[in-house]
Structures are given as C-alpha cells and as structure tokens.
C-alpha cells in the first residue's frame, strides 16, 4: 500500500499550479497559527472608496452588466474594497490608530481614495 503524501510532498509536486500551492499553504498556516482563544482580539473593518470626482470604470462596467441582466432604475454604481482585520490587543483607541496607519501606508491610495475605520 502506498503511503499518504505529506503536505510538503504535495506542495513540492510540480503537478500543482502555483496558485493552488499558495492556497494550500495559506489554509494550512491559518490552521496552525490560529490565535489562542484566551487572546484579546479586536476586530476592525476598513471600507475604502474612490473619492468623488475620480472616474470609476469598474463601477461603470458593473452598472452596465447589471443593466444587461435586466436590473432597471439603477443610479451610479461605485466600486470599493472592504478589509476585515483582527488585531491582538485590548485598547480600541490604539487599534484604531494602528489600522488608520495601515490605511495611510498600504490599504488605501489616499490621493484618490477615502477610507473609514470601524472598530468593534
């Protein structure tokens, strides 16, 4: 009887495409590195939208596609991004400042995008 392949052997196989390998790695890491249940975790939600006056071709394409599917009476559609972030800690003000710093540095292009942060 053939032995079951290990995760490492499967990942090193050239038969799997790179995207699949990365998906398997991320799924495995999420299982291994889960935060302990007793850890204080504060959840934050970041909503990033284009500023008024910035053209939104993706929103236009979505509106056109919805119209083609028979949805009538739609106004302007604007596309955005949502990030749900779990941060270890217990100080909501510190978490809010840290998440805002993440937005300023990476999550939002502040030249053309606005962002809002909600901390729960």
PDB file of N, CA and C in Angstrom:
ATOM      1  N   UNK A   1       0.834  -1.178   0.000  1.00  0.00           N
ATOM      2  CA  UNK A   1       0.000   0.000   0.000  1.00  0.00           C
ATOM      3  C   UNK A   1       0.878   1.240   0.000  1.00  0.00           C
ATOM      4  N   UNK A   2       0.542   2.203  -0.822  1.00  0.00           N
ATOM      5  CA  UNK A   2       1.314   3.442  -0.940  1.00  0.00           C
ATOM      6  C   UNK A   2       1.074   4.321   0.277  1.00  0.00           C
ATOM      7  N   UNK A   3       2.136   4.954   0.821  1.00  0.00           N
ATOM      8  CA  UNK A   3       1.922   5.866   1.955  1.00  0.00           C
ATOM      9  C   UNK A   3       1.215   7.143   1.493  1.00  0.00           C
ATOM     10  N   UNK A   4       0.445   7.742   2.399  1.00  0.00           N
ATOM     11  CA  UNK A   4      -0.240   9.008   2.101  1.00  0.00           C
ATOM     12  C   UNK A   4       0.809  10.095   1.884  1.00  0.00           C
ATOM     13  N   UNK A   5       0.641  10.934   0.877  1.00  0.00           N
ATOM     14  CA  UNK A   5       1.612  12.007   0.667  1.00  0.00           C
ATOM     15  C   UNK A   5       1.521  13.049   1.779  1.00  0.00           C
ATOM     16  N   UNK A   6       2.656  13.550   2.187  1.00  0.00           N
ATOM     17  CA  UNK A   6       2.667  14.616   3.184  1.00  0.00           C
ATOM     18  C   UNK A   6       2.354  15.936   2.497  1.00  0.00           C
ATOM     19  N   UNK A   7       1.986  16.931   3.320  1.00  0.00           N
ATOM     20  CA  UNK A   7       1.683  18.256   2.756  1.00  0.00           C
ATOM     21  C   UNK A   7       2.887  18.798   2.010  1.00  0.00           C
ATOM     22  N   UNK A   8       4.091  18.587   2.564  1.00  0.00           N
ATOM     23  CA  UNK A   8       5.310  19.096   1.919  1.00  0.00           C
ATOM     24  C   UNK A   8       5.511  18.433   0.562  1.00  0.00           C
ATOM     25  N   UNK A   9       5.273  17.116   0.479  1.00  0.00           N
ATOM     26  CA  UNK A   9       5.456  16.408  -0.781  1.00  0.00           C
ATOM     27  C   UNK A   9       4.434  16.891  -1.812  1.00  0.00           C
ATOM     28  N   UNK A  10       3.208  17.108  -1.372  1.00  0.00           N
ATOM     29  CA  UNK A  10       2.183  17.599  -2.300  1.00  0.00           C
ATOM     30  C   UNK A  10       2.540  18.991  -2.790  1.00  0.00           C
ATOM     31  N   UNK A  11       2.995  19.859  -1.872  1.00  0.00           N
ATOM     32  CA  UNK A  11       3.325  21.231  -2.256  1.00  0.00           C
ATOM     33  C   UNK A  11       4.528  21.292  -3.182  1.00  0.00           C
ATOM     34  N   UNK A  12       5.468  20.357  -3.020  1.00  0.00           N
ATOM     35  CA  UNK A  12       6.657  20.397  -3.868  1.00  0.00           C
ATOM     36  C   UNK A  12       6.396  19.762  -5.229  1.00  0.00           C
ATOM     37  N   UNK A  13       5.254  19.120  -5.379  1.00  0.00           N
ATOM     38  CA  UNK A  13       4.902  18.493  -6.645  1.00  0.00           C
ATOM     39  C   UNK A  13       4.768  19.552  -7.728  1.00  0.00           C
ATOM     40  N   UNK A  14       5.351  19.281  -8.873  1.00  0.00           N
ATOM     41  CA  UNK A  14       5.235  20.237  -9.982  1.00  0.00           C
ATOM     42  C   UNK A  14       3.892  20.094 -10.684  1.00  0.00           C
ATOM     43  N   UNK A  15       3.064  19.146 -10.221  1.00  0.00           N
ATOM     44  CA  UNK A  15       1.761  18.954 -10.856  1.00  0.00           C
ATOM     45  C   UNK A  15       0.754  20.025 -10.445  1.00  0.00           C
ATOM     46  N   UNK A  16       0.978  20.644  -9.267  1.00  0.00           N
ATOM     47  CA  UNK A  16       0.038  21.661  -8.802  1.00  0.00           C
ATOM     48  C   UNK A  16       0.436  23.028  -9.326  1.00  0.00           C
ATOM     49  N   UNK A  17      -0.511  23.801  -9.820  1.00  0.00           N
ATOM     50  CA  UNK A  17      -0.173  25.168 -10.223  1.00  0.00           C
ATOM     51  C   UNK A  17       0.188  26.005  -9.004  1.00  0.00           C
ATOM     52  N   UNK A  18       0.944  27.058  -9.228  1.00  0.00           N
ATOM     53  CA  UNK A  18       1.423  27.911  -8.144  1.00  0.00           C
ATOM     54  C   UNK A  18       0.281  28.466  -7.307  1.00  0.00           C
ATOM     55  N   UNK A  19      -0.807  28.873  -7.924  1.00  0.00           N
ATOM     56  CA  UNK A  19      -1.929  29.451  -7.183  1.00  0.00           C
ATOM     57  C   UNK A  19      -2.495  28.427  -6.207  1.00  0.00           C
ATOM     58  N   UNK A  20      -2.638  27.194  -6.652  1.00  0.00           N
ATOM     59  CA  UNK A  20      -3.154  26.142  -5.787  1.00  0.00           C
ATOM     60  C   UNK A  20      -2.190  25.877  -4.641  1.00  0.00           C
ATOM     61  N   UNK A  21      -0.901  25.838  -4.928  1.00  0.00           N
ATOM     62  CA  UNK A  21       0.095  25.625  -3.874  1.00  0.00           C
ATOM     63  C   UNK A  21      -0.028  26.715  -2.817  1.00  0.00           C
ATOM     64  N   UNK A  22      -0.142  27.950  -3.244  1.00  0.00           N
ATOM     65  CA  UNK A  22      -0.233  29.069  -2.293  1.00  0.00           C
ATOM     66  C   UNK A  22      -1.525  28.977  -1.489  1.00  0.00           C
ATOM     67  N   UNK A  23      -2.617  28.577  -2.116  1.00  0.00           N
ATOM     68  CA  UNK A  23      -3.880  28.436  -1.401  1.00  0.00           C
ATOM     69  C   UNK A  23      -3.775  27.372  -0.323  1.00  0.00           C
ATOM     70  N   UNK A  24      -3.127  26.257  -0.652  1.00  0.00           N
ATOM     71  CA  UNK A  24      -2.943  25.189   0.332  1.00  0.00           C
ATOM     72  C   UNK A  24      -2.058  25.667   1.474  1.00  0.00           C
ATOM     73  N   UNK A  25      -0.968  26.368   1.147  1.00  0.00           N
ATOM     74  CA  UNK A  25      -0.080  26.892   2.190  1.00  0.00           C
ATOM     75  C   UNK A  25      -0.832  27.828   3.131  1.00  0.00           C
ATOM     76  N   UNK A  26      -1.618  28.749   2.566  1.00  0.00           N
ATOM     77  CA  UNK A  26      -2.349  29.710   3.394  1.00  0.00           C
ATOM     78  C   UNK A  26      -3.388  29.021   4.267  1.00  0.00           C
ATOM     79  N   UNK A  27      -4.077  28.025   3.723  1.00  0.00           N
ATOM     80  CA  UNK A  27      -5.072  27.294   4.513  1.00  0.00           C
ATOM     81  C   UNK A  27      -4.393  26.567   5.665  1.00  0.00           C
ATOM     82  N   UNK A  28      -3.259  25.936   5.388  1.00  0.00           N
ATOM     83  CA  UNK A  28      -2.521  25.216   6.428  1.00  0.00           C
ATOM     84  C   UNK A  28      -2.025  26.180   7.502  1.00  0.00           C
ATOM     85  N   UNK A  29      -1.451  27.305   7.090  1.00  0.00           N
ATOM     86  CA  UNK A  29      -0.941  28.274   8.054  1.00  0.00           C
ATOM     87  C   UNK A  29      -2.050  28.857   8.909  1.00  0.00           C
ATOM     88  N   UNK A  30      -3.230  29.053   8.323  1.00  0.00           N
ATOM     89  CA  UNK A  30      -4.332  29.604   9.109  1.00  0.00           C
ATOM     90  C   UNK A  30      -4.774  28.620  10.181  1.00  0.00           C
ATOM     91  N   UNK A  31      -4.640  27.319   9.912  1.00  0.00           N
ATOM     92  CA  UNK A  31      -4.985  26.321  10.929  1.00  0.00           C
ATOM     93  C   UNK A  31      -3.920  26.242  12.019  1.00  0.00           C
ATOM     94  N   UNK A  32      -2.658  26.304  11.615  1.00  0.00           N
ATOM     95  CA  UNK A  32      -1.560  26.152  12.566  1.00  0.00           C
ATOM     96  C   UNK A  32      -1.389  27.379  13.447  1.00  0.00           C
ATOM     97  N   UNK A  33      -1.534  28.561  12.879  1.00  0.00           N
ATOM     98  CA  UNK A  33      -1.218  29.783  13.608  1.00  0.00           C
ATOM     99  C   UNK A  33      -2.451  30.538  14.090  1.00  0.00           C
ATOM    100  N   UNK A  34      -3.528  29.827  14.401  1.00  0.00           N
ATOM    101  CA  UNK A  34      -4.707  30.497  14.954  1.00  0.00           C
ATOM    102  C   UNK A  34      -4.352  31.094  16.302  1.00  0.00           C
ATOM    103  N   UNK A  35      -4.933  32.235  16.601  1.00  0.00           N
ATOM    104  CA  UNK A  35      -4.705  32.855  17.900  1.00  0.00           C
ATOM    105  C   UNK A  35      -5.367  32.013  18.988  1.00  0.00           C
ATOM    106  N   UNK A  36      -4.740  31.885  20.148  1.00  0.00           N
ATOM    107  CA  UNK A  36      -5.376  31.156  21.240  1.00  0.00           C
ATOM    108  C   UNK A  36      -6.704  31.817  21.596  1.00  0.00           C
ATOM    109  N   UNK A  37      -7.644  31.005  22.089  1.00  0.00           N
ATOM    110  CA  UNK A  37      -8.975  31.522  22.372  1.00  0.00           C
ATOM    111  C   UNK A  37      -8.982  32.554  23.486  1.00  0.00           C
ATOM    112  N   UNK A  38      -8.004  32.498  24.399  1.00  0.00           N
ATOM    113  CA  UNK A  38      -7.981  33.439  25.515  1.00  0.00           C
ATOM    114  C   UNK A  38      -7.373  34.785  25.131  1.00  0.00           C
ATOM    115  N   UNK A  39      -6.859  34.894  23.920  1.00  0.00           N
ATOM    116  CA  UNK A  39      -6.239  36.128  23.468  1.00  0.00           C
ATOM    117  C   UNK A  39      -7.314  37.190  23.204  1.00  0.00           C
ATOM    118  N   UNK A  40      -7.039  38.437  23.622  1.00  0.00           N
ATOM    119  CA  UNK A  40      -7.946  39.549  23.321  1.00  0.00           C
ATOM    120  C   UNK A  40      -7.757  39.946  21.870  1.00  0.00           C
ATOM    121  N   UNK A  41      -8.832  39.879  21.118  1.00  0.00           N
ATOM    122  CA  UNK A  41      -8.777  40.247  19.714  1.00  0.00           C
ATOM    123  C   UNK A  41      -9.844  41.307  19.464  1.00  0.00           C
ATOM    124  N   UNK A  42      -9.428  42.394  18.852  1.00  0.00           N
ATOM    125  CA  UNK A  42     -10.349  43.461  18.475  1.00  0.00           C
ATOM    126  C   UNK A  42     -10.476  43.418  16.955  1.00  0.00           C
ATOM    127  N   UNK A  43     -11.709  43.466  16.483  1.00  0.00           N
ATOM    128  CA  UNK A  43     -11.948  43.404  15.050  1.00  0.00           C
ATOM    129  C   UNK A  43     -12.190  44.800  14.503  1.00  0.00           C
ATOM    130  N   UNK A  44     -11.578  45.057  13.377  1.00  0.00           N
ATOM    131  CA  UNK A  44     -11.743  46.344  12.707  1.00  0.00           C
ATOM    132  C   UNK A  44     -12.189  46.083  11.278  1.00  0.00           C
ATOM    133  N   UNK A  45     -13.016  46.970  10.767  1.00  0.00           N
ATOM    134  CA  UNK A  45     -13.445  46.907   9.369  1.00  0.00           C
ATOM    135  C   UNK A  45     -13.055  48.215   8.696  1.00  0.00           C
ATOM    136  N   UNK A  46     -12.375  48.089   7.576  1.00  0.00           N
ATOM    137  CA  UNK A  46     -11.950  49.242   6.785  1.00  0.00           C
ATOM    138  C   UNK A  46     -12.726  49.215   5.475  1.00  0.00           C
ATOM    139  N   UNK A  47     -13.371  50.322   5.142  1.00  0.00           N
ATOM    140  CA  UNK A  47     -14.077  50.457   3.866  1.00  0.00           C
ATOM    141  C   UNK A  47     -13.350  51.528   3.065  1.00  0.00           C
ATOM    142  N   UNK A  48     -12.880  51.146   1.900  1.00  0.00           N
ATOM    143  CA  UNK A  48     -12.132  52.057   1.029  1.00  0.00           C
ATOM    144  C   UNK A  48     -12.986  52.337  -0.207  1.00  0.00           C
ATOM    145  N   UNK A  49     -13.196  53.626  -0.499  1.00  0.00           N
ATOM    146  CA  UNK A  49     -13.975  54.023  -1.673  1.00  0.00           C
ATOM    147  C   UNK A  49     -13.224  55.099  -2.442  1.00  0.00           C
ATOM    148  N   UNK A  50     -13.546  55.207  -3.715  1.00  0.00           N
ATOM    149  CA  UNK A  50     -12.946  56.264  -4.522  1.00  0.00           C
ATOM    150  C   UNK A  50     -13.518  57.617  -4.106  1.00  0.00           C
ATOM    151  N   UNK A  51     -12.685  58.634  -4.147  1.00  0.00           N
ATOM    152  CA  UNK A  51     -13.142  59.987  -3.834  1.00  0.00           C
ATOM    153  C   UNK A  51     -14.103  60.462  -4.921  1.00  0.00           C
ATOM    154  N   UNK A  52     -14.997  61.372  -4.539  1.00  0.00           N
ATOM    155  CA  UNK A  52     -15.901  61.972  -5.522  1.00  0.00           C
ATOM    156  C   UNK A  52     -15.075  62.662  -6.597  1.00  0.00           C
ATOM    157  N   UNK A  53     -15.501  62.520  -7.824  1.00  0.00           N
ATOM    158  CA  UNK A  53     -14.783  63.145  -8.924  1.00  0.00           C
ATOM    159  C   UNK A  53     -13.762  62.230  -9.579  1.00  0.00           C
ATOM    160  N   UNK A  54     -13.424  61.114  -8.933  1.00  0.00           N
ATOM    161  CA  UNK A  54     -12.490  60.155  -9.532  1.00  0.00           C
ATOM    162  C   UNK A  54     -13.305  59.185 -10.375  1.00  0.00           C
ATOM    163  N   UNK A  55     -12.902  59.009 -11.625  1.00  0.00           N
ATOM    164  CA  UNK A  55     -13.622  58.103 -12.512  1.00  0.00           C
ATOM    165  C   UNK A  55     -13.550  56.681 -11.980  1.00  0.00           C
ATOM    166  N   UNK A  56     -14.653  55.938 -12.123  1.00  0.00           N
ATOM    167  CA  UNK A  56     -14.723  54.562 -11.639  1.00  0.00           C
ATOM    168  C   UNK A  56     -15.149  53.649 -12.782  1.00  0.00           C
ATOM    169  N   UNK A  57     -14.207  53.239 -13.639  1.00  0.00           N
ATOM    170  CA  UNK A  57     -14.574  52.399 -14.784  1.00  0.00           C
ATOM    171  C   UNK A  57     -15.120  51.033 -14.363  1.00  0.00           C
ATOM    172  N   UNK A  58     -14.639  50.498 -13.247  1.00  0.00           N
ATOM    173  CA  UNK A  58     -15.148  49.206 -12.798  1.00  0.00           C
ATOM    174  C   UNK A  58     -16.607  49.339 -12.344  1.00  0.00           C
ATOM    175  N   UNK A  59     -16.928  50.409 -11.643  1.00  0.00           N
ATOM    176  CA  UNK A  59     -18.308  50.663 -11.244  1.00  0.00           C
ATOM    177  C   UNK A  59     -19.208  50.818 -12.457  1.00  0.00           C
ATOM    178  N   UNK A  60     -18.704  51.519 -13.485  1.00  0.00           N
ATOM    179  CA  UNK A  60     -19.459  51.690 -14.742  1.00  0.00           C
ATOM    180  C   UNK A  60     -19.724  50.335 -15.392  1.00  0.00           C
ATOM    181  N   UNK A  61     -18.689  49.478 -15.429  1.00  0.00           N
ATOM    182  CA  UNK A  61     -18.837  48.155 -16.046  1.00  0.00           C
ATOM    183  C   UNK A  61     -19.849  47.309 -15.265  1.00  0.00           C
ATOM    184  N   UNK A  62     -19.822  47.388 -13.948  1.00  0.00           N
ATOM    185  CA  UNK A  62     -20.777  46.648 -13.121  1.00  0.00           C
ATOM    186  C   UNK A  62     -22.193  47.140 -13.407  1.00  0.00           C
ATOM    187  N   UNK A  63     -22.377  48.461 -13.475  1.00  0.00           N
ATOM    188  CA  UNK A  63     -23.687  49.025 -13.780  1.00  0.00           C
ATOM    189  C   UNK A  63     -24.199  48.581 -15.137  1.00  0.00           C
ATOM    190  N   UNK A  64     -23.295  48.575 -16.125  1.00  0.00           N
ATOM    191  CA  UNK A  64     -23.681  48.150 -17.472  1.00  0.00           C
ATOM    192  C   UNK A  64     -24.075  46.672 -17.467  1.00  0.00           C
ATOM    193  N   UNK A  65     -23.316  45.839 -16.750  1.00  0.00           N
ATOM    194  CA  UNK A  65     -23.615  44.408 -16.685  1.00  0.00           C
ATOM    195  C   UNK A  65     -24.952  44.161 -15.984  1.00  0.00           C
ATOM    196  N   UNK A  66     -25.214  44.882 -14.903  1.00  0.00           N
ATOM    197  CA  UNK A  66     -26.494  44.726 -14.200  1.00  0.00           C
ATOM    198  C   UNK A  66     -27.664  45.152 -15.078  1.00  0.00           C
ATOM    199  N   UNK A  67     -27.461  46.227 -15.838  1.00  0.00           N
ATOM    200  CA  UNK A  67     -28.490  46.678 -16.769  1.00  0.00           C
ATOM    201  C   UNK A  67     -28.760  45.592 -17.813  1.00  0.00           C
ATOM    202  N   UNK A  68     -27.694  44.970 -18.297  1.00  0.00           N
ATOM    203  CA  UNK A  68     -27.826  43.887 -19.272  1.00  0.00           C
ATOM    204  C   UNK A  68     -28.534  42.664 -18.700  1.00  0.00           C
ATOM    205  N   UNK A  69     -28.460  42.490 -17.393  1.00  0.00           N
ATOM    206  CA  UNK A  69     -29.146  41.374 -16.739  1.00  0.00           C
ATOM    207  C   UNK A  69     -30.607  41.690 -16.423  1.00  0.00           C
ATOM    208  N   UNK A  70     -31.016  42.904 -16.760  1.00  0.00           N
ATOM    209  CA  UNK A  70     -32.419  43.262 -16.585  1.00  0.00           C
ATOM    210  C   UNK A  70     -32.737  44.061 -15.337  1.00  0.00           C
ATOM    211  N   UNK A  71     -31.751  44.477 -14.592  1.00  0.00           N
ATOM    212  CA  UNK A  71     -31.996  45.308 -13.412  1.00  0.00           C
ATOM    213  C   UNK A  71     -32.151  46.750 -13.873  1.00  0.00           C
ATOM    214  N   UNK A  72     -33.330  47.314 -13.658  1.00  0.00           N
ATOM    215  CA  UNK A  72     -33.640  48.650 -14.144  1.00  0.00           C
ATOM    216  C   UNK A  72     -33.631  49.664 -13.003  1.00  0.00           C
ATOM    217  N   UNK A  73     -33.507  50.925 -13.345  1.00  0.00           N
ATOM    218  CA  UNK A  73     -33.605  52.006 -12.367  1.00  0.00           C
ATOM    219  C   UNK A  73     -32.390  52.169 -11.484  1.00  0.00           C
ATOM    220  N   UNK A  74     -31.249  51.704 -11.943  1.00  0.00           N
ATOM    221  CA  UNK A  74     -30.029  51.835 -11.139  1.00  0.00           C
ATOM    222  C   UNK A  74     -29.408  53.212 -11.335  1.00  0.00           C
ATOM    223  N   UNK A  75     -28.934  53.787 -10.253  1.00  0.00           N
ATOM    224  CA  UNK A  75     -28.185  55.040 -10.342  1.00  0.00           C
ATOM    225  C   UNK A  75     -26.718  54.716 -10.555  1.00  0.00           C
ATOM    226  N   UNK A  76     -25.885  55.657 -10.184  1.00  0.00           N
ATOM    227  CA  UNK A  76     -24.444  55.461 -10.314  1.00  0.00           C
ATOM    228  C   UNK A  76     -23.981  54.350  -9.366  1.00  0.00           C
ATOM    229  N   UNK A  77     -23.103  53.494  -9.860  1.00  0.00           N
ATOM    230  CA  UNK A  77     -22.529  52.429  -9.039  1.00  0.00           C
ATOM    231  C   UNK A  77     -21.047  52.721  -8.877  1.00  0.00           C
ATOM    232  N   UNK A  78     -20.588  52.708  -7.626  1.00  0.00           N
ATOM    233  CA  UNK A  78     -19.171  52.927  -7.318  1.00  0.00           C
ATOM    234  C   UNK A  78     -18.638  51.669  -6.651  1.00  0.00           C
ATOM    235  N   UNK A  79     -17.497  51.225  -7.070  1.00  0.00           N
ATOM    236  CA  UNK A  79     -16.876  50.016  -6.556  1.00  0.00           C
ATOM    237  C   UNK A  79     -15.890  50.404  -5.460  1.00  0.00           C
ATOM    238  N   UNK A  80     -15.728  49.542  -4.446  1.00  0.00           N
ATOM    239  CA  UNK A  80     -14.779  49.807  -3.367  1.00  0.00           C
ATOM    240  C   UNK A  80     -14.188  48.520  -2.837  1.00  0.00           C
ATOM    241  N   UNK A  81     -13.520  48.630  -1.691  1.00  0.00           N
ATOM    242  CA  UNK A  81     -12.888  47.466  -1.056  1.00  0.00           C
ATOM    243  C   UNK A  81     -13.266  47.451   0.417  1.00  0.00           C
ATOM    244  N   UNK A  82     -13.333  46.242   0.996  1.00  0.00           N
ATOM    245  CA  UNK A  82     -13.578  46.082   2.425  1.00  0.00           C
ATOM    246  C   UNK A  82     -12.491  45.167   2.982  1.00  0.00           C
ATOM    247  N   UNK A  83     -11.900  45.571   4.101  1.00  0.00           N
ATOM    248  CA  UNK A  83     -10.909  44.761   4.801  1.00  0.00           C
ATOM    249  C   UNK A  83     -11.426  44.485   6.205  1.00  0.00           C
ATOM    250  N   UNK A  84     -11.498  43.223   6.599  1.00  0.00           N
ATOM    251  CA  UNK A  84     -11.813  42.850   7.974  1.00  0.00           C
ATOM    252  C   UNK A  84     -10.511  42.404   8.612  1.00  0.00           C
ATOM    253  N   UNK A  85     -10.118  43.082   9.676  1.00  0.00           N
ATOM    254  CA  UNK A  85      -8.813  42.858  10.298  1.00  0.00           C
ATOM    255  C   UNK A  85      -9.012  42.510  11.762  1.00  0.00           C
ATOM    256  N   UNK A  86      -8.400  41.414  12.210  1.00  0.00           N
ATOM    257  CA  UNK A  86      -8.407  41.042  13.622  1.00  0.00           C
ATOM    258  C   UNK A  86      -7.049  41.427  14.201  1.00  0.00           C
ATOM    259  N   UNK A  87      -7.075  42.248  15.251  1.00  0.00           N
ATOM    260  CA  UNK A  87      -5.832  42.744  15.855  1.00  0.00           C
ATOM    261  C   UNK A  87      -5.782  42.284  17.301  1.00  0.00           C
ATOM    262  N   UNK A  88      -4.656  41.713  17.694  1.00  0.00           N
ATOM    263  CA  UNK A  88      -4.485  41.276  19.064  1.00  0.00           C
ATOM    264  C   UNK A  88      -4.277  42.497  19.952  1.00  0.00           C
ATOM    265  N   UNK A  89      -5.039  42.584  21.023  1.00  0.00           N
ATOM    266  CA  UNK A  89      -4.915  43.701  21.949  1.00  0.00           C
ATOM    267  C   UNK A  89      -6.226  43.973  22.648  1.00  0.00           C
ATOM    268  N   UNK A  90      -6.200  44.966  23.543  1.00  0.00           N
ATOM    269  CA  UNK A  90      -7.427  45.288  24.279  1.00  0.00           C
ATOM    270  C   UNK A  90      -7.746  46.782  24.258  1.00  0.00           C
ATOM    271  N   UNK A  91      -6.847  47.597  23.718  1.00  0.00           N
ATOM    272  CA  UNK A  91      -7.042  49.046  23.677  1.00  0.00           C
ATOM    273  C   UNK A  91      -7.601  49.449  22.307  1.00  0.00           C
ATOM    274  N   UNK A  92      -8.900  49.766  22.265  1.00  0.00           N
ATOM    275  CA  UNK A  92      -9.555  50.082  20.991  1.00  0.00           C
ATOM    276  C   UNK A  92      -8.977  51.325  20.328  1.00  0.00           C
ATOM    277  N   UNK A  93      -8.595  52.328  21.126  1.00  0.00           N
ATOM    278  CA  UNK A  93      -8.026  53.544  20.543  1.00  0.00           C
ATOM    279  C   UNK A  93      -6.700  53.255  19.855  1.00  0.00           C
ATOM    280  N   UNK A  94      -5.867  52.415  20.460  1.00  0.00           N
ATOM    281  CA  UNK A  94      -4.582  52.057  19.859  1.00  0.00           C
ATOM    282  C   UNK A  94      -4.806  51.254  18.572  1.00  0.00           C
ATOM    283  N   UNK A  95      -5.762  50.323  18.624  1.00  0.00           N
ATOM    284  CA  UNK A  95      -6.065  49.524  17.436  1.00  0.00           C
ATOM    285  C   UNK A  95      -6.547  50.428  16.309  1.00  0.00           C
ATOM    286  N   UNK A  96      -7.428  51.390  16.621  1.00  0.00           N
ATOM    287  CA  UNK A  96      -7.916  52.318  15.599  1.00  0.00           C
ATOM    288  C   UNK A  96      -6.748  53.092  14.973  1.00  0.00           C
ATOM    289  N   UNK A  97      -5.840  53.591  15.806  1.00  0.00           N
ATOM    290  CA  UNK A  97      -4.686  54.339  15.278  1.00  0.00           C
ATOM    291  C   UNK A  97      -3.809  53.448  14.412  1.00  0.00           C
ATOM    292  N   UNK A  98      -3.592  52.199  14.857  1.00  0.00           N
ATOM    293  CA  UNK A  98      -2.771  51.270  14.075  1.00  0.00           C
ATOM    294  C   UNK A  98      -3.419  50.957  12.719  1.00  0.00           C
ATOM    295  N   UNK A  99      -4.727  50.723  12.726  1.00  0.00           N
ATOM    296  CA  UNK A  99      -5.419  50.410  11.478  1.00  0.00           C
ATOM    297  C   UNK A  99      -5.427  51.631  10.559  1.00  0.00           C
ATOM    298  N   UNK A 100      -5.596  52.819  11.109  1.00  0.00           N
ATOM    299  CA  UNK A 100      -5.527  54.029  10.283  1.00  0.00           C
ATOM    300  C   UNK A 100      -4.140  54.180   9.668  1.00  0.00           C
ATOM    301  N   UNK A 101      -3.102  53.829  10.426  1.00  0.00           N
ATOM    302  CA  UNK A 101      -1.740  53.874   9.876  1.00  0.00           C
ATOM    303  C   UNK A 101      -1.589  52.858   8.739  1.00  0.00           C
ATOM    304  N   UNK A 102      -2.210  51.677   8.892  1.00  0.00           N
ATOM    305  CA  UNK A 102      -2.189  50.672   7.820  1.00  0.00           C
ATOM    306  C   UNK A 102      -2.838  51.230   6.556  1.00  0.00           C
ATOM    307  N   UNK A 103      -3.939  51.954   6.741  1.00  0.00           N
ATOM    308  CA  UNK A 103      -4.636  52.552   5.596  1.00  0.00           C
ATOM    309  C   UNK A 103      -3.764  53.588   4.908  1.00  0.00           C
ATOM    310  N   UNK A 104      -3.147  54.447   5.694  1.00  0.00           N
ATOM    311  CA  UNK A 104      -2.307  55.511   5.135  1.00  0.00           C
ATOM    312  C   UNK A 104      -1.109  54.937   4.382  1.00  0.00           C
ATOM    313  N   UNK A 105      -0.556  53.824   4.887  1.00  0.00           N
ATOM    314  CA  UNK A 105       0.665  53.273   4.294  1.00  0.00           C
ATOM    315  C   UNK A 105       0.421  52.266   3.178  1.00  0.00           C
ATOM    316  N   UNK A 106      -0.710  51.517   3.245  1.00  0.00           N
ATOM    317  CA  UNK A 106      -0.870  50.433   2.284  1.00  0.00           C
ATOM    318  C   UNK A 106      -2.292  50.222   1.763  1.00  0.00           C
ATOM    319  N   UNK A 107      -3.257  50.177   2.638  1.00  0.00           N
ATOM    320  CA  UNK A 107      -4.589  49.716   2.243  1.00  0.00           C
ATOM    321  C   UNK A 107      -5.334  50.680   1.327  1.00  0.00           C
ATOM    322  N   UNK A 108      -5.057  51.970   1.436  1.00  0.00           N
ATOM    323  CA  UNK A 108      -5.758  52.956   0.609  1.00  0.00           C
ATOM    324  C   UNK A 108      -4.753  53.859  -0.093  1.00  0.00           C
ATOM    325  N   UNK A 109      -5.066  54.210  -1.317  1.00  0.00           N
ATOM    326  CA  UNK A 109      -4.287  55.215  -2.034  1.00  0.00           C
ATOM    327  C   UNK A 109      -4.968  56.550  -1.722  1.00  0.00           C
ATOM    328  N   UNK A 110      -4.437  57.249  -0.735  1.00  0.00           N
ATOM    329  CA  UNK A 110      -5.132  58.432  -0.211  1.00  0.00           C
ATOM    330  C   UNK A 110      -5.210  59.592  -1.193  1.00  0.00           C
ATOM    331  N   UNK A 111      -4.530  59.490  -2.319  1.00  0.00           N
ATOM    332  CA  UNK A 111      -4.642  60.531  -3.344  1.00  0.00           C
ATOM    333  C   UNK A 111      -6.010  60.440  -4.020  1.00  0.00           C
ATOM    334  N   UNK A 112      -6.477  59.216  -4.257  1.00  0.00           N
ATOM    335  CA  UNK A 112      -7.735  59.041  -4.980  1.00  0.00           C
ATOM    336  C   UNK A 112      -8.802  58.294  -4.176  1.00  0.00           C
ATOM    337  N   UNK A 113      -8.473  57.829  -2.958  1.00  0.00           N
ATOM    338  CA  UNK A 113      -9.425  57.031  -2.190  1.00  0.00           C
ATOM    339  C   UNK A 113      -9.643  57.601  -0.788  1.00  0.00           C
ATOM    340  N   UNK A 114     -10.871  57.433  -0.288  1.00  0.00           N
ATOM    341  CA  UNK A 114     -11.211  57.719   1.103  1.00  0.00           C
ATOM    342  C   UNK A 114     -11.320  56.389   1.827  1.00  0.00           C
ATOM    343  N   UNK A 115     -11.168  56.415   3.138  1.00  0.00           N
ATOM    344  CA  UNK A 115     -11.374  55.197   3.910  1.00  0.00           C
ATOM    345  C   UNK A 115     -12.058  55.529   5.220  1.00  0.00           C
ATOM    346  N   UNK A 116     -12.809  54.565   5.744  1.00  0.00           N
ATOM    347  CA  UNK A 116     -13.400  54.674   7.061  1.00  0.00           C
ATOM    348  C   UNK A 116     -12.999  53.446   7.861  1.00  0.00           C
ATOM    349  N   UNK A 117     -12.813  53.635   9.162  1.00  0.00           N
ATOM    350  CA  UNK A 117     -12.422  52.544  10.050  1.00  0.00           C
ATOM    351  C   UNK A 117     -13.493  52.384  11.114  1.00  0.00           C
ATOM    352  N   UNK A 118     -14.008  51.174  11.268  1.00  0.00           N
ATOM    353  CA  UNK A 118     -14.942  50.845  12.337  1.00  0.00           C
ATOM    354  C   UNK A 118     -14.264  49.811  13.224  1.00  0.00           C
ATOM    355  N   UNK A 119     -14.253  50.060  14.519  1.00  0.00           N
ATOM    356  CA  UNK A 119     -13.639  49.134  15.473  1.00  0.00           C
ATOM    357  C   UNK A 119     -14.731  48.597  16.367  1.00  0.00           C
ATOM    358  N   UNK A 120     -14.791  47.261  16.492  1.00  0.00           N
ATOM    359  CA  UNK A 120     -15.821  46.642  17.336  1.00  0.00           C
ATOM    360  C   UNK A 120     -15.205  46.030  18.581  1.00  0.00           C
TER     361      UNK A 120
END
